[in-house]
Protein backbone atom coordinates (compact mmCIF):
# COMPACT_ATOMS: atom_id res chain seq x y z
CA MET A 1 -3.21 6.49 7.63
CA ARG A 2 -3.45 3.45 5.36
CA GLY A 3 -5.43 5.44 2.80
CA LEU A 4 -2.73 8.09 2.73
CA GLN A 5 -0.06 5.47 2.07
CA GLU A 6 -2.07 3.94 -0.76
CA ALA A 7 -2.68 7.39 -2.26
CA ARG A 8 1.07 7.93 -2.22
CA GLU A 9 1.67 4.57 -3.90
CA THR A 10 -0.88 5.22 -6.65
CA GLY A 11 0.73 8.61 -7.26
CA ILE A 12 4.10 6.92 -7.66
CA VAL A 13 2.63 4.43 -10.12
CA ARG A 14 1.02 7.22 -12.14
CA ARG A 15 4.29 9.17 -12.35
CA LEU A 16 6.26 6.08 -13.35
CA ALA A 17 3.73 5.31 -16.08
CA GLN A 18 4.01 8.87 -17.44
CA HIS A 19 7.78 8.45 -17.76
CA ARG A 20 7.52 4.94 -19.22
CA PHE A 21 9.44 3.18 -16.44
CA ALA A 22 8.11 -0.25 -17.41
CA HIS A 23 10.80 -2.12 -15.47
CA VAL A 24 9.62 -0.76 -12.08
CA SER A 25 6.87 -2.51 -10.09
CA VAL A 26 4.94 -0.97 -7.19
CA VAL A 27 2.99 -3.04 -4.65
CA GLY A 28 0.59 -1.69 -2.04
CA TYR A 29 -0.93 -3.33 1.01
CA ASP A 30 -4.52 -3.91 2.20
CA ASP A 31 -6.27 -3.82 -1.22
CA MET A 32 -8.22 -0.64 -0.59
CA LEU A 33 -10.67 0.71 -3.18
CA LEU A 34 -8.13 3.27 -4.39
CA ALA A 35 -5.82 0.43 -5.50
CA ARG A 36 -8.46 -0.87 -7.90
CA LEU A 37 -9.53 2.53 -9.20
CA SER A 38 -6.10 4.04 -9.83
CA THR A 39 -4.61 4.18 -13.32
CA PRO A 40 -2.70 1.97 -13.69
CA ALA A 41 -4.34 -0.27 -11.08
CA LEU A 42 -2.11 -0.94 -8.06
CA THR A 43 -0.90 -4.48 -7.34
CA THR A 44 -1.61 -5.16 -3.69
CA ILE A 45 -1.45 -7.67 -0.87
CA GLN A 46 -4.83 -8.53 0.62
CA GLN A 47 -5.35 -9.70 4.20
CA ASP A 48 -8.34 -10.26 6.48
CA THR A 49 -8.10 -7.09 8.61
CA LEU A 50 -11.22 -8.01 10.59
CA GLU A 51 -9.64 -11.28 11.73
CA ALA A 52 -6.36 -9.50 12.49
CA GLY A 53 -8.27 -7.08 14.72
CA ARG A 54 -10.07 -9.90 16.50
CA ARG A 55 -6.82 -11.68 17.27
CA LEU A 56 -5.15 -8.51 18.48
CA VAL A 57 -8.01 -7.59 20.80
CA SER A 58 -8.17 -11.10 22.26
CA GLN A 59 -4.47 -10.92 23.16
CA VAL A 60 -4.75 -7.43 24.65
CA MET A 61 -7.86 -8.27 26.69
CA ASP A 62 -6.23 -11.30 28.33
CA PRO A 63 -2.99 -10.08 29.99
CA GLN A 64 -2.41 -13.57 31.45
CA ALA A 65 -2.31 -15.18 28.01
CA GLU A 66 1.03 -16.19 26.62
CA GLN A 67 2.31 -13.72 24.02
CA TYR A 68 3.01 -15.29 20.65
CA LEU A 69 3.47 -14.42 17.02
CA ASP A 70 0.41 -15.05 14.92
CA TYR A 71 0.32 -15.33 11.16
CA LEU A 72 -2.62 -14.61 8.88
CA PRO A 73 -2.87 -15.75 5.27
CA THR A 74 -2.36 -13.09 2.62
CA HIS A 75 -3.12 -13.01 -1.09
CA LEU A 76 -1.17 -11.20 -3.79
CA ILE A 77 -3.49 -9.46 -6.25
CA VAL A 78 -1.47 -8.67 -9.36
CA ARG A 79 -2.64 -5.65 -11.35
CA GLU A 80 -1.19 -3.23 -13.89
CA SER A 81 1.42 -1.68 -11.56
CA CYS A 82 3.41 -4.93 -11.92
CA GLY A 83 2.89 -5.34 -15.65
CA ALA A 84 -0.28 -7.47 -15.50
């Protein structure tokens, strides 16, 4: 599903570029390969999905554990879709 969302975002960026909407920025999430290869390249937020999966599974596998919110660091990768 994530790939479909990113494909949609890159399509939006492409259409905006064709119509010269320079004041609009589009940002994707998960920094998939399509984000780097699209024209213009899609600005994206990168996260450690492997670590997110590990943390999720550890909470699910231990039903006695206290439920809590967990935060992972993210990184903004600015590309052409935001004027870079």
